[in-house]
Each structure stands twice: as structure tokens, then as C-alpha cells.
Amino acid sequence: MAETSKRRFSFANQVFTSYGFTLVDVLAGLAISVIGFLAMVHLQSGILRANITSRDMTMATHLAWHLIETIKMEAVEWTNDISQSYNQPKFKYLNQIPDPNAGSTSGWKHAFETDADFRMVNILGRDQAYDGGALNQFPDTISRRFCVRYRLTWILSNMLMRVDVRVLWPREGSQAVQYQACPDSMDNDMANVYSVTFSTTVMKNVFVSG
């Protein structure tokens, strides 16, 4: 009886005084560490993608409103004077709209003169007529990932028109090379393309008489 009690005490003593780790303990700890590390990597990559998307959205918004302001600048010179009519050749954008019948539209037009096989532009656009100074200072051949279109629609005949500007660019992970020519199919490819569209109105400058 005494021998049995001694063996039990010896076994219990070994149990409570053993401070080592088994292979199972090590593997479990390693698995938890790997899972935590992968979760952090996934979180960081998600944050990076969100930052890139936010940056592109800001740049696209700036580009769209820059074009809108350019069209508004043209409209300042659109007056009742026949030599200042909207369809004068000096107006790069306004003269793209058809005859002034309410509801008639120009349809979607490419905003900038570029190569037909590579129409993408960067945040500066590619308007030598209005932005030549900036384009001379900053190269327009880098970060070209945006397609820019505009549409003019008559609201009041020969008086008020609506301007729509749309900027499109490929999503991360998409085959960006297939969008270099800014094909019309981008409008319906929302799985692979981001876009922003802004609208405003421009009016004939009635404060200047012909």
C-alpha cells in the first residue's frame, strides 16, 4: 500500500514539475502564428488596394471637372454674335453638338486628340489648345490610365445645353491593355472598369450683345 502511494506521488511530482512543450504544442502555436500573419497580409493588401482606388477616383474626378471647366470657358465666348456662335471652328467642344433642336445630342465623344490605338491620358489630359503650358512642364506620357468622354445635349434650342463628362479606367487585376484604345464596350464592363460621370449645364452668354 505504501509502495503504491509512493509511486502515485512520484508520478504527480513529475507532472507538475515538467515545463517542456510537446510537438503538438509547437505545431499548434505555429499554425496560430501563420494564420495571424496571413490575416495581417490580407488586411494590408486590402488597405493598399483601397488607397489605390481612392487615389484613382480623386484623379478621375479632377480630370472630369477640368474638362467641364474647359467647356464652360468656351461657353463664355458663345454669344448672339454670329461670329461667336456655338458651331464656330474655334470652339473645340461646343461645335460638336448638332443643329440646335431641343433633345438632340452629340453622343459620346472622345475628349482628347490621341492615337487611335492608345487614347488613355493621365490627370493632365491631353488638350494642347487649352493646357499647352502645363503639358510643356509635365510629361503626359506617364500614368496614362484614364479614358475621357463627353456628351452635349440641347435643353433649350440655341440657348442652354447639358454637358456630361465620363472618366473610365481599368480595375486592378484586369487586362488593362485591352482598354488602351478606350473602346465603347468599357461602358458596359463594370466588372473590370471603374467610372465616374458628372453633369452640368452651359448657357449662351446673353450679357454680350452681338
N, C-alpha and C. Protein backbone atom coordinates (compact mmCIF):
# COMPACT_ATOMS: atom_id res chain seq x y z
N MET A 1 0.83 -1.20 0.00
CA MET A 1 0.00 0.00 0.00
C MET A 1 0.86 1.25 0.00
N ALA A 2 1.89 1.21 0.85
CA ALA A 2 2.82 2.34 0.93
C ALA A 2 3.57 2.53 -0.38
N GLU A 3 3.91 1.38 -1.03
CA GLU A 3 4.63 1.44 -2.30
C GLU A 3 3.77 2.09 -3.38
N THR A 4 2.47 1.75 -3.38
CA THR A 4 1.55 2.32 -4.36
C THR A 4 1.41 3.83 -4.18
N SER A 5 1.29 4.26 -2.95
CA SER A 5 1.16 5.69 -2.66
C SER A 5 2.42 6.43 -3.06
N LYS A 6 3.57 5.79 -2.89
CA LYS A 6 4.84 6.41 -3.26
C LYS A 6 4.94 6.61 -4.76
N ARG A 7 4.49 5.58 -5.53
CA ARG A 7 4.53 5.70 -6.98
C ARG A 7 3.60 6.81 -7.47
N ARG A 8 2.42 6.89 -6.87
CA ARG A 8 1.48 7.95 -7.27
C ARG A 8 2.07 9.32 -6.99
N PHE A 9 2.69 9.52 -5.86
CA PHE A 9 3.29 10.79 -5.51
C PHE A 9 4.42 11.14 -6.47
N SER A 10 5.19 10.12 -6.85
CA SER A 10 6.31 10.34 -7.77
C SER A 10 5.79 10.76 -9.15
N PHE A 11 4.71 10.14 -9.65
CA PHE A 11 4.13 10.47 -10.95
C PHE A 11 3.57 11.90 -10.95
N ALA A 12 2.84 12.23 -9.87
CA ALA A 12 2.27 13.57 -9.77
C ALA A 12 3.35 14.63 -9.72
N ASN A 13 4.42 14.34 -9.05
CA ASN A 13 5.52 15.28 -8.94
C ASN A 13 6.17 15.54 -10.31
N GLN A 14 6.27 14.46 -11.11
CA GLN A 14 6.82 14.61 -12.45
C GLN A 14 5.92 15.46 -13.34
N VAL A 15 4.62 15.26 -13.18
CA VAL A 15 3.67 16.01 -13.99
C VAL A 15 3.75 17.51 -13.70
N PHE A 16 3.77 17.86 -12.42
CA PHE A 16 3.72 19.27 -12.05
C PHE A 16 5.06 19.98 -12.16
N THR A 17 6.13 19.23 -12.28
CA THR A 17 7.45 19.87 -12.38
C THR A 17 8.00 19.84 -13.80
N SER A 18 7.21 19.32 -14.80
CA SER A 18 7.65 19.28 -16.19
C SER A 18 7.24 20.57 -16.90
N TYR A 19 8.22 21.31 -17.46
CA TYR A 19 7.95 22.58 -18.10
C TYR A 19 8.21 22.56 -19.62
N GLY A 20 8.39 21.47 -20.23
CA GLY A 20 8.66 21.37 -21.66
C GLY A 20 7.39 21.45 -22.50
N PHE A 21 7.57 21.51 -23.87
CA PHE A 21 6.46 21.54 -24.82
C PHE A 21 6.53 20.32 -25.71
N THR A 22 5.38 19.79 -26.01
CA THR A 22 5.32 18.65 -26.92
C THR A 22 5.31 19.15 -28.36
N LEU A 23 5.49 18.24 -29.31
CA LEU A 23 5.46 18.59 -30.72
C LEU A 23 4.10 19.15 -31.11
N VAL A 24 3.05 18.61 -30.51
CA VAL A 24 1.70 19.10 -30.80
C VAL A 24 1.56 20.55 -30.36
N ASP A 25 2.12 20.89 -29.19
CA ASP A 25 2.07 22.28 -28.73
C ASP A 25 2.77 23.22 -29.71
N VAL A 26 3.93 22.79 -30.18
CA VAL A 26 4.70 23.61 -31.11
C VAL A 26 3.96 23.81 -32.42
N LEU A 27 3.39 22.73 -32.96
CA LEU A 27 2.66 22.82 -34.22
C LEU A 27 1.42 23.70 -34.09
N ALA A 28 0.72 23.59 -32.96
CA ALA A 28 -0.47 24.41 -32.74
C ALA A 28 -0.10 25.89 -32.67
N GLY A 29 0.97 26.20 -31.96
CA GLY A 29 1.42 27.59 -31.87
C GLY A 29 1.85 28.13 -33.23
N LEU A 30 2.54 27.28 -34.01
CA LEU A 30 2.98 27.69 -35.34
C LEU A 30 1.79 27.96 -36.25
N ALA A 31 0.78 27.09 -36.18
CA ALA A 31 -0.41 27.27 -37.01
C ALA A 31 -1.13 28.57 -36.67
N ILE A 32 -1.25 28.88 -35.40
CA ILE A 32 -1.91 30.12 -34.98
C ILE A 32 -1.12 31.33 -35.47
N SER A 33 0.22 31.25 -35.38
CA SER A 33 1.06 32.36 -35.83
C SER A 33 0.92 32.58 -37.34
N VAL A 34 0.90 31.48 -38.11
CA VAL A 34 0.77 31.60 -39.57
C VAL A 34 -0.57 32.19 -39.95
N ILE A 35 -1.63 31.75 -39.29
CA ILE A 35 -2.96 32.29 -39.58
C ILE A 35 -3.01 33.78 -39.29
N GLY A 36 -2.44 34.18 -38.16
CA GLY A 36 -2.40 35.60 -37.82
C GLY A 36 -1.60 36.41 -38.82
N PHE A 37 -0.47 35.87 -39.27
CA PHE A 37 0.37 36.56 -40.24
C PHE A 37 -0.36 36.73 -41.57
N LEU A 38 -1.02 35.65 -42.03
CA LEU A 38 -1.75 35.72 -43.30
C LEU A 38 -2.90 36.71 -43.22
N ALA A 39 -3.55 36.78 -42.06
CA ALA A 39 -4.63 37.75 -41.88
C ALA A 39 -4.10 39.18 -41.98
N MET A 40 -2.93 39.42 -41.41
CA MET A 40 -2.33 40.75 -41.48
C MET A 40 -1.94 41.11 -42.91
N VAL A 41 -1.38 40.12 -43.64
CA VAL A 41 -1.01 40.36 -45.03
C VAL A 41 -2.24 40.69 -45.87
N HIS A 42 -3.33 39.93 -45.65
CA HIS A 42 -4.58 40.18 -46.38
C HIS A 42 -5.12 41.56 -46.06
N LEU A 43 -5.05 41.95 -44.79
CA LEU A 43 -5.54 43.27 -44.38
C LEU A 43 -4.71 44.37 -45.04
N GLN A 44 -3.39 44.22 -45.04
CA GLN A 44 -2.52 45.23 -45.63
C GLN A 44 -2.76 45.35 -47.14
N SER A 45 -2.92 44.21 -47.82
CA SER A 45 -3.17 44.27 -49.26
C SER A 45 -4.52 44.92 -49.56
N GLY A 46 -5.51 44.67 -48.70
CA GLY A 46 -6.82 45.31 -48.88
C GLY A 46 -6.73 46.81 -48.70
N ILE A 47 -5.96 47.24 -47.70
CA ILE A 47 -5.77 48.68 -47.47
C ILE A 47 -5.05 49.32 -48.66
N LEU A 48 -4.05 48.61 -49.19
CA LEU A 48 -3.31 49.14 -50.34
C LEU A 48 -4.23 49.29 -51.55
N ARG A 49 -5.05 48.27 -51.82
CA ARG A 49 -5.98 48.36 -52.95
C ARG A 49 -6.96 49.50 -52.77
N ALA A 50 -7.44 49.66 -51.53
CA ALA A 50 -8.39 50.76 -51.26
C ALA A 50 -7.74 52.11 -51.48
N ASN A 51 -6.48 52.25 -51.09
CA ASN A 51 -5.76 53.51 -51.29
C ASN A 51 -5.57 53.81 -52.77
N ILE A 52 -5.24 52.77 -53.55
CA ILE A 52 -5.06 52.96 -54.99
C ILE A 52 -6.38 53.37 -55.65
N THR A 53 -7.46 52.70 -55.25
CA THR A 53 -8.77 53.04 -55.81
C THR A 53 -9.17 54.46 -55.45
N SER A 54 -8.91 54.85 -54.20
CA SER A 54 -9.24 56.21 -53.76
C SER A 54 -8.42 57.24 -54.52
N ARG A 55 -7.15 56.95 -54.74
CA ARG A 55 -6.29 57.86 -55.50
C ARG A 55 -6.80 58.02 -56.93
N ASP A 56 -7.13 56.89 -57.58
CA ASP A 56 -7.62 56.95 -58.96
C ASP A 56 -8.95 57.68 -59.04
N MET A 57 -9.81 57.48 -58.04
CA MET A 57 -11.10 58.16 -58.03
C MET A 57 -10.92 59.67 -57.92
N THR A 58 -9.98 60.09 -57.08
CA THR A 58 -9.69 61.52 -56.94
C THR A 58 -9.15 62.10 -58.24
N MET A 59 -8.22 61.38 -58.86
CA MET A 59 -7.64 61.85 -60.12
C MET A 59 -8.69 61.91 -61.22
N ALA A 60 -9.57 60.91 -61.29
CA ALA A 60 -10.61 60.89 -62.31
C ALA A 60 -11.60 62.03 -62.11
N THR A 61 -11.94 62.31 -60.86
CA THR A 61 -12.85 63.42 -60.56
C THR A 61 -12.23 64.75 -60.98
N HIS A 62 -10.95 64.92 -60.66
CA HIS A 62 -10.24 66.15 -61.06
C HIS A 62 -10.23 66.29 -62.58
N LEU A 63 -9.96 65.21 -63.28
CA LEU A 63 -9.89 65.23 -64.73
C LEU A 63 -11.25 65.58 -65.34
N ALA A 64 -12.31 65.00 -64.79
CA ALA A 64 -13.66 65.27 -65.31
C ALA A 64 -14.03 66.73 -65.13
N TRP A 65 -13.79 67.27 -63.95
CA TRP A 65 -14.17 68.67 -63.71
C TRP A 65 -13.27 69.63 -64.45
N HIS A 66 -12.04 69.23 -64.71
CA HIS A 66 -11.16 70.08 -65.52
C HIS A 66 -11.74 70.23 -66.93
N LEU A 67 -12.24 69.13 -67.49
CA LEU A 67 -12.85 69.21 -68.82
C LEU A 67 -14.13 70.03 -68.78
N ILE A 68 -14.93 69.85 -67.73
CA ILE A 68 -16.17 70.64 -67.61
C ILE A 68 -15.85 72.13 -67.56
N GLU A 69 -14.85 72.50 -66.79
CA GLU A 69 -14.48 73.91 -66.70
C GLU A 69 -13.95 74.43 -68.03
N THR A 70 -13.28 73.59 -68.79
CA THR A 70 -12.80 74.00 -70.11
C THR A 70 -13.98 74.29 -71.04
N ILE A 71 -14.99 73.42 -71.00
CA ILE A 71 -16.18 73.64 -71.84
C ILE A 71 -16.93 74.90 -71.38
N LYS A 72 -16.99 75.13 -70.08
CA LYS A 72 -17.62 76.35 -69.58
C LYS A 72 -16.85 77.59 -70.06
N MET A 73 -15.54 77.46 -70.12
CA MET A 73 -14.73 78.58 -70.59
C MET A 73 -15.05 78.90 -72.05
N GLU A 74 -15.28 77.87 -72.85
CA GLU A 74 -15.69 78.11 -74.23
C GLU A 74 -17.04 78.82 -74.26
N ALA A 75 -17.94 78.42 -73.37
CA ALA A 75 -19.29 78.98 -73.39
C ALA A 75 -19.31 80.46 -73.07
N VAL A 76 -18.28 80.96 -72.39
CA VAL A 76 -18.21 82.39 -72.11
C VAL A 76 -18.16 83.19 -73.41
N GLU A 77 -17.55 82.63 -74.43
CA GLU A 77 -17.43 83.32 -75.72
C GLU A 77 -18.59 83.01 -76.67
N TRP A 78 -19.50 82.17 -76.25
CA TRP A 78 -20.67 81.83 -77.06
C TRP A 78 -21.73 82.91 -76.85
N THR A 79 -21.94 83.74 -77.85
CA THR A 79 -22.85 84.88 -77.71
C THR A 79 -23.83 84.93 -78.89
N ASN A 80 -24.62 85.99 -78.91
CA ASN A 80 -25.58 86.17 -80.00
C ASN A 80 -24.92 86.62 -81.30
N ASP A 81 -23.68 87.07 -81.20
CA ASP A 81 -22.95 87.47 -82.40
C ASP A 81 -22.77 86.24 -83.29
N ILE A 82 -23.07 86.37 -84.56
CA ILE A 82 -22.98 85.24 -85.48
C ILE A 82 -21.56 84.68 -85.54
N SER A 83 -20.57 85.54 -85.35
CA SER A 83 -19.18 85.07 -85.38
C SER A 83 -18.79 84.36 -84.10
N GLN A 84 -19.68 84.41 -83.10
CA GLN A 84 -19.42 83.75 -81.82
C GLN A 84 -20.42 82.62 -81.56
N SER A 85 -21.02 82.13 -82.63
CA SER A 85 -21.98 81.03 -82.50
C SER A 85 -21.30 79.77 -81.99
N TYR A 86 -22.06 78.90 -81.36
CA TYR A 86 -21.50 77.68 -80.77
C TYR A 86 -20.80 76.79 -81.79
N ASN A 87 -21.20 76.88 -83.07
CA ASN A 87 -20.65 75.98 -84.07
C ASN A 87 -19.44 76.54 -84.81
N GLN A 88 -18.85 77.60 -84.27
CA GLN A 88 -17.64 78.16 -84.87
C GLN A 88 -16.46 77.20 -84.69
N PRO A 89 -15.57 77.11 -85.69
CA PRO A 89 -14.45 76.17 -85.61
C PRO A 89 -13.53 76.39 -84.41
N LYS A 90 -13.50 77.61 -83.89
CA LYS A 90 -12.59 77.88 -82.77
C LYS A 90 -13.03 77.16 -81.50
N PHE A 91 -14.29 76.75 -81.43
CA PHE A 91 -14.77 76.02 -80.25
C PHE A 91 -14.49 74.53 -80.44
N LYS A 92 -13.61 74.01 -79.65
CA LYS A 92 -13.20 72.61 -79.82
C LYS A 92 -14.30 71.64 -79.37
N TYR A 93 -15.05 72.02 -78.35
CA TYR A 93 -16.04 71.11 -77.78
C TYR A 93 -17.47 71.50 -78.15
N LEU A 94 -17.81 72.77 -78.02
CA LEU A 94 -19.18 73.19 -78.26
C LEU A 94 -19.65 72.88 -79.68
N ASN A 95 -18.76 72.97 -80.66
CA ASN A 95 -19.20 72.78 -82.03
C ASN A 95 -19.43 71.32 -82.41
N GLN A 96 -19.29 70.41 -81.44
CA GLN A 96 -19.56 69.00 -81.71
C GLN A 96 -21.04 68.65 -81.62
N ILE A 97 -21.84 69.56 -81.09
CA ILE A 97 -23.26 69.28 -80.95
C ILE A 97 -23.96 69.57 -82.28
N PRO A 98 -24.98 68.79 -82.63
CA PRO A 98 -25.66 69.01 -83.91
C PRO A 98 -26.54 70.25 -83.89
N ASP A 99 -27.34 70.42 -84.93
CA ASP A 99 -28.22 71.57 -85.03
C ASP A 99 -29.07 71.72 -83.77
N PRO A 100 -29.33 72.97 -83.39
CA PRO A 100 -29.98 73.23 -82.09
C PRO A 100 -31.46 72.88 -82.02
N ASN A 101 -31.75 71.62 -81.99
CA ASN A 101 -33.11 71.17 -81.73
C ASN A 101 -33.14 70.56 -80.34
N ALA A 102 -34.09 70.97 -79.53
CA ALA A 102 -34.16 70.50 -78.15
C ALA A 102 -34.15 68.97 -78.11
N GLY A 103 -33.26 68.43 -77.31
CA GLY A 103 -33.15 66.98 -77.16
C GLY A 103 -32.09 66.35 -78.03
N SER A 104 -31.65 67.05 -79.08
CA SER A 104 -30.61 66.48 -79.93
C SER A 104 -29.30 66.43 -79.16
N THR A 105 -28.46 65.45 -79.48
CA THR A 105 -27.25 65.24 -78.70
C THR A 105 -26.07 64.93 -79.61
N SER A 106 -24.90 65.18 -79.10
CA SER A 106 -23.68 64.88 -79.85
C SER A 106 -23.30 63.41 -79.75
N GLY A 107 -23.91 62.70 -78.76
CA GLY A 107 -23.44 61.36 -78.47
C GLY A 107 -22.11 61.45 -77.72
N TRP A 108 -21.61 60.33 -77.25
CA TRP A 108 -20.36 60.34 -76.51
C TRP A 108 -19.17 60.53 -77.44
N LYS A 109 -18.33 61.52 -77.12
CA LYS A 109 -17.16 61.85 -77.92
C LYS A 109 -15.90 61.64 -77.08
N HIS A 110 -14.81 61.22 -77.73
CA HIS A 110 -13.53 61.18 -77.05
C HIS A 110 -13.06 62.61 -76.84
N ALA A 111 -12.60 62.88 -75.61
CA ALA A 111 -12.32 64.27 -75.26
C ALA A 111 -11.02 64.80 -75.85
N PHE A 112 -10.03 63.94 -76.00
CA PHE A 112 -8.71 64.43 -76.38
C PHE A 112 -8.22 63.78 -77.67
N GLU A 113 -7.42 64.54 -78.38
CA GLU A 113 -6.84 64.04 -79.63
C GLU A 113 -5.62 63.19 -79.30
N THR A 114 -5.75 61.89 -79.45
CA THR A 114 -4.67 60.95 -79.15
C THR A 114 -4.60 59.93 -80.27
N ASP A 115 -3.61 59.07 -80.19
CA ASP A 115 -3.51 57.98 -81.16
C ASP A 115 -4.74 57.07 -81.02
N ALA A 116 -5.25 56.61 -82.14
CA ALA A 116 -6.45 55.79 -82.12
C ALA A 116 -6.26 54.48 -81.37
N ASP A 117 -5.03 53.99 -81.33
CA ASP A 117 -4.78 52.71 -80.66
C ASP A 117 -4.37 52.89 -79.20
N PHE A 118 -4.19 54.15 -78.75
CA PHE A 118 -3.88 54.40 -77.34
C PHE A 118 -4.44 55.77 -76.96
N ARG A 119 -5.67 55.75 -76.46
CA ARG A 119 -6.37 57.00 -76.16
C ARG A 119 -6.32 57.37 -74.68
N MET A 120 -5.72 56.56 -73.87
CA MET A 120 -5.67 56.85 -72.44
C MET A 120 -4.83 58.09 -72.16
N VAL A 121 -5.23 58.83 -71.11
CA VAL A 121 -4.49 60.03 -70.71
C VAL A 121 -4.25 59.97 -69.20
N ASN A 122 -3.38 60.87 -68.72
CA ASN A 122 -3.16 60.96 -67.28
C ASN A 122 -3.99 62.10 -66.71
N ILE A 123 -3.68 62.51 -65.51
CA ILE A 123 -4.50 63.50 -64.82
C ILE A 123 -4.52 64.86 -65.53
N LEU A 124 -3.52 65.14 -66.36
CA LEU A 124 -3.47 66.41 -67.09
C LEU A 124 -4.35 66.42 -68.32
N GLY A 125 -4.78 65.26 -68.78
CA GLY A 125 -5.48 65.21 -70.05
C GLY A 125 -4.48 65.35 -71.19
N ARG A 126 -4.96 65.82 -72.34
CA ARG A 126 -4.05 65.97 -73.49
C ARG A 126 -4.61 67.05 -74.43
N ASP A 127 -4.96 68.17 -73.84
CA ASP A 127 -5.56 69.25 -74.61
C ASP A 127 -4.51 70.34 -74.84
N GLN A 128 -3.81 70.25 -75.97
CA GLN A 128 -2.76 71.21 -76.28
C GLN A 128 -3.31 72.63 -76.47
N ALA A 129 -4.55 72.73 -76.91
CA ALA A 129 -5.13 74.05 -77.18
C ALA A 129 -5.31 74.86 -75.90
N TYR A 130 -5.73 74.20 -74.83
CA TYR A 130 -6.02 74.91 -73.59
C TYR A 130 -5.00 74.66 -72.48
N ASP A 131 -4.30 73.54 -72.53
CA ASP A 131 -3.38 73.18 -71.45
C ASP A 131 -1.94 73.04 -71.93
N GLY A 132 -1.62 73.70 -73.01
CA GLY A 132 -0.29 73.56 -73.58
C GLY A 132 0.82 73.91 -72.61
N GLY A 133 0.62 74.97 -71.81
CA GLY A 133 1.64 75.38 -70.85
C GLY A 133 1.95 74.29 -69.84
N ALA A 134 0.91 73.71 -69.26
CA ALA A 134 1.11 72.65 -68.27
C ALA A 134 1.72 71.41 -68.90
N LEU A 135 1.28 71.10 -70.11
CA LEU A 135 1.80 69.91 -70.78
C LEU A 135 3.26 70.06 -71.16
N ASN A 136 3.70 71.31 -71.35
CA ASN A 136 5.11 71.53 -71.63
C ASN A 136 5.98 71.36 -70.40
N GLN A 137 5.37 71.56 -69.23
CA GLN A 137 6.12 71.44 -67.98
C GLN A 137 6.10 70.03 -67.41
N PHE A 138 5.02 69.32 -67.63
CA PHE A 138 4.87 67.99 -67.06
C PHE A 138 4.57 66.99 -68.18
N PRO A 139 5.26 65.89 -68.22
CA PRO A 139 5.04 64.91 -69.29
C PRO A 139 3.66 64.28 -69.21
N ASP A 140 3.03 64.13 -70.35
CA ASP A 140 1.70 63.50 -70.39
C ASP A 140 1.78 62.06 -70.86
N THR A 141 2.98 61.49 -70.81
CA THR A 141 3.18 60.12 -71.29
C THR A 141 3.31 59.10 -70.16
N ILE A 142 3.18 59.55 -68.91
CA ILE A 142 3.27 58.63 -67.78
C ILE A 142 1.92 58.54 -67.08
N SER A 143 1.67 57.40 -66.46
CA SER A 143 0.42 57.16 -65.71
C SER A 143 -0.82 57.41 -66.57
N ARG A 144 -0.74 57.02 -67.83
CA ARG A 144 -1.89 57.19 -68.72
C ARG A 144 -2.82 55.98 -68.53
N ARG A 145 -3.88 56.15 -67.74
CA ARG A 145 -4.79 55.06 -67.45
C ARG A 145 -6.27 55.46 -67.51
N PHE A 146 -6.54 56.70 -67.96
CA PHE A 146 -7.92 57.19 -67.96
C PHE A 146 -8.44 57.41 -69.37
N CYS A 147 -9.67 57.00 -69.58
CA CYS A 147 -10.39 57.29 -70.82
C CYS A 147 -11.44 58.36 -70.51
N VAL A 148 -11.47 59.42 -71.32
CA VAL A 148 -12.35 60.55 -71.04
C VAL A 148 -13.28 60.78 -72.22
N ARG A 149 -14.58 60.90 -71.92
CA ARG A 149 -15.57 61.16 -72.94
C ARG A 149 -16.50 62.28 -72.49
N TYR A 150 -17.14 62.91 -73.44
CA TYR A 150 -18.12 63.93 -73.09
C TYR A 150 -19.29 63.86 -74.06
N ARG A 151 -20.41 64.40 -73.61
CA ARG A 151 -21.63 64.41 -74.42
C ARG A 151 -22.35 65.74 -74.20
N LEU A 152 -22.80 66.34 -75.30
CA LEU A 152 -23.55 67.59 -75.24
C LEU A 152 -24.98 67.34 -75.69
N THR A 153 -25.94 67.88 -74.97
CA THR A 153 -27.36 67.69 -75.30
C THR A 153 -28.09 69.03 -75.16
N TRP A 154 -28.85 69.38 -76.19
CA TRP A 154 -29.62 70.63 -76.11
C TRP A 154 -30.77 70.49 -75.12
N ILE A 155 -30.89 71.49 -74.26
CA ILE A 155 -32.04 71.59 -73.35
C ILE A 155 -33.00 72.65 -73.88
N LEU A 156 -32.46 73.84 -74.16
CA LEU A 156 -33.20 74.90 -74.83
C LEU A 156 -32.48 75.21 -76.13
N SER A 157 -33.21 75.18 -77.20
CA SER A 157 -32.61 75.34 -78.51
C SER A 157 -31.77 76.62 -78.60
N ASN A 158 -30.50 76.43 -78.98
CA ASN A 158 -29.57 77.54 -79.20
C ASN A 158 -29.43 78.46 -77.99
N MET A 159 -29.66 77.91 -76.80
CA MET A 159 -29.55 78.74 -75.59
C MET A 159 -28.89 78.00 -74.43
N LEU A 160 -29.30 76.75 -74.17
CA LEU A 160 -28.84 76.04 -72.98
C LEU A 160 -28.58 74.58 -73.34
N MET A 161 -27.42 74.08 -72.98
CA MET A 161 -27.11 72.69 -73.25
C MET A 161 -26.58 71.99 -71.99
N ARG A 162 -26.81 70.71 -71.92
CA ARG A 162 -26.31 69.88 -70.83
C ARG A 162 -24.97 69.26 -71.25
N VAL A 163 -24.06 69.22 -70.31
CA VAL A 163 -22.74 68.63 -70.55
C VAL A 163 -22.55 67.45 -69.61
N ASP A 164 -22.27 66.28 -70.17
CA ASP A 164 -21.94 65.09 -69.39
C ASP A 164 -20.49 64.72 -69.67
N VAL A 165 -19.73 64.46 -68.63
CA VAL A 165 -18.34 64.02 -68.77
C VAL A 165 -18.17 62.71 -68.01
N ARG A 166 -17.60 61.75 -68.67
CA ARG A 166 -17.38 60.42 -68.06
C ARG A 166 -15.91 60.04 -68.16
N VAL A 167 -15.36 59.59 -67.05
CA VAL A 167 -13.97 59.11 -67.00
C VAL A 167 -14.00 57.64 -66.60
N LEU A 168 -13.32 56.81 -67.36
CA LEU A 168 -13.27 55.37 -67.11
C LEU A 168 -11.82 54.91 -67.01
N TRP A 169 -11.59 53.89 -66.19
CA TRP A 169 -10.24 53.33 -66.07
C TRP A 169 -10.33 51.88 -65.60
N PRO A 170 -9.35 51.05 -65.95
CA PRO A 170 -9.41 49.62 -65.60
C PRO A 170 -9.26 49.39 -64.10
N ARG A 171 -9.95 48.38 -63.61
CA ARG A 171 -9.79 47.96 -62.22
C ARG A 171 -8.45 47.24 -62.05
N GLU A 172 -7.98 47.17 -60.80
CA GLU A 172 -6.77 46.42 -60.51
C GLU A 172 -6.99 44.95 -60.85
N GLY A 173 -6.02 44.36 -61.49
CA GLY A 173 -6.11 42.95 -61.83
C GLY A 173 -6.75 42.67 -63.17
N SER A 174 -7.33 43.69 -63.80
CA SER A 174 -7.93 43.48 -65.12
C SER A 174 -6.86 43.60 -66.20
N GLN A 175 -7.17 43.14 -67.39
CA GLN A 175 -6.25 43.22 -68.52
C GLN A 175 -6.31 44.63 -69.11
N ALA A 176 -5.51 45.53 -68.54
CA ALA A 176 -5.59 46.94 -68.91
C ALA A 176 -5.27 47.17 -70.38
N VAL A 177 -4.45 46.29 -70.97
CA VAL A 177 -4.02 46.51 -72.35
C VAL A 177 -5.20 46.50 -73.31
N GLN A 178 -6.27 45.78 -72.97
CA GLN A 178 -7.42 45.71 -73.88
C GLN A 178 -8.26 46.99 -73.87
N TYR A 179 -7.94 47.91 -72.95
CA TYR A 179 -8.69 49.16 -72.86
C TYR A 179 -7.88 50.37 -73.33
N GLN A 180 -6.71 50.15 -73.88
CA GLN A 180 -5.84 51.26 -74.27
C GLN A 180 -6.47 52.17 -75.31
N ALA A 181 -7.28 51.59 -76.18
CA ALA A 181 -7.95 52.38 -77.22
C ALA A 181 -9.27 52.97 -76.74
N CYS A 182 -9.60 52.78 -75.45
CA CYS A 182 -10.84 53.31 -74.87
C CYS A 182 -12.08 52.89 -75.68
N PRO A 183 -12.29 51.60 -75.86
CA PRO A 183 -13.43 51.14 -76.66
C PRO A 183 -14.76 51.46 -75.98
N ASP A 184 -15.81 51.56 -76.77
CA ASP A 184 -17.14 51.86 -76.24
C ASP A 184 -17.63 50.77 -75.29
N SER A 185 -17.09 49.56 -75.42
CA SER A 185 -17.52 48.45 -74.57
C SER A 185 -17.18 48.66 -73.10
N MET A 186 -16.30 49.62 -72.81
CA MET A 186 -15.94 49.88 -71.41
C MET A 186 -17.15 50.31 -70.59
N ASP A 187 -18.10 50.98 -71.24
CA ASP A 187 -19.28 51.46 -70.51
C ASP A 187 -20.09 50.33 -69.89
N ASN A 188 -20.06 49.16 -70.49
CA ASN A 188 -20.86 48.03 -70.01
C ASN A 188 -20.02 46.96 -69.31
N ASP A 189 -18.75 47.25 -69.10
CA ASP A 189 -17.86 46.26 -68.49
C ASP A 189 -17.52 46.68 -67.06
N MET A 190 -18.56 46.82 -66.24
CA MET A 190 -18.35 47.31 -64.89
C MET A 190 -17.61 46.34 -63.98
N ALA A 191 -17.51 45.07 -64.39
CA ALA A 191 -16.75 44.11 -63.60
C ALA A 191 -15.26 44.38 -63.67
N ASN A 192 -14.82 45.02 -64.74
CA ASN A 192 -13.39 45.27 -64.94
C ASN A 192 -13.03 46.74 -65.06
N VAL A 193 -14.04 47.61 -65.01
CA VAL A 193 -13.80 49.03 -65.26
C VAL A 193 -14.49 49.87 -64.19
N TYR A 194 -13.77 50.85 -63.66
CA TYR A 194 -14.36 51.88 -62.80
C TYR A 194 -14.77 53.06 -63.68
N SER A 195 -15.73 53.84 -63.21
CA SER A 195 -16.10 55.05 -63.96
C SER A 195 -16.74 56.07 -63.02
N VAL A 196 -16.59 57.33 -63.40
CA VAL A 196 -17.31 58.42 -62.73
C VAL A 196 -17.92 59.28 -63.83
N THR A 197 -19.11 59.81 -63.58
CA THR A 197 -19.79 60.66 -64.54
C THR A 197 -20.31 61.90 -63.83
N PHE A 198 -20.04 63.06 -64.40
CA PHE A 198 -20.51 64.31 -63.84
C PHE A 198 -21.26 65.09 -64.92
N SER A 199 -22.25 65.86 -64.48
CA SER A 199 -23.07 66.62 -65.41
C SER A 199 -23.19 68.07 -64.95
N THR A 200 -23.34 68.95 -65.91
CA THR A 200 -23.59 70.35 -65.62
C THR A 200 -24.31 70.96 -66.82
N THR A 201 -24.60 72.22 -66.77
CA THR A 201 -25.21 72.91 -67.91
C THR A 201 -24.36 74.12 -68.29
N VAL A 202 -24.37 74.44 -69.55
CA VAL A 202 -23.72 75.69 -70.01
C VAL A 202 -24.74 76.47 -70.83
N MET A 203 -24.64 77.78 -70.73
CA MET A 203 -25.63 78.66 -71.34
C MET A 203 -24.94 79.70 -72.21
N LYS A 204 -25.60 80.09 -73.24
CA LYS A 204 -25.09 81.17 -74.08
C LYS A 204 -24.87 82.43 -73.23
N ASN A 205 -23.81 83.14 -73.51
CA ASN A 205 -23.51 84.37 -72.78
C ASN A 205 -24.39 85.50 -73.31
N VAL A 206 -25.55 85.66 -72.66
CA VAL A 206 -26.53 86.65 -73.13
C VAL A 206 -26.18 88.06 -72.69
N PHE A 207 -25.13 88.21 -71.88
CA PHE A 207 -24.74 89.53 -71.40
C PHE A 207 -23.87 90.27 -72.38
N VAL A 208 -23.49 89.57 -73.47
CA VAL A 208 -22.71 90.20 -74.52
C VAL A 208 -23.58 90.27 -75.77
N SER A 209 -23.86 91.46 -76.25
CA SER A 209 -24.73 91.62 -77.41
C SER A 209 -23.91 91.57 -78.69
N GLY A 210 -24.55 91.08 -79.74
CA GLY A 210 -23.85 90.98 -80.99
C GLY A 210 -23.72 92.31 -81.71
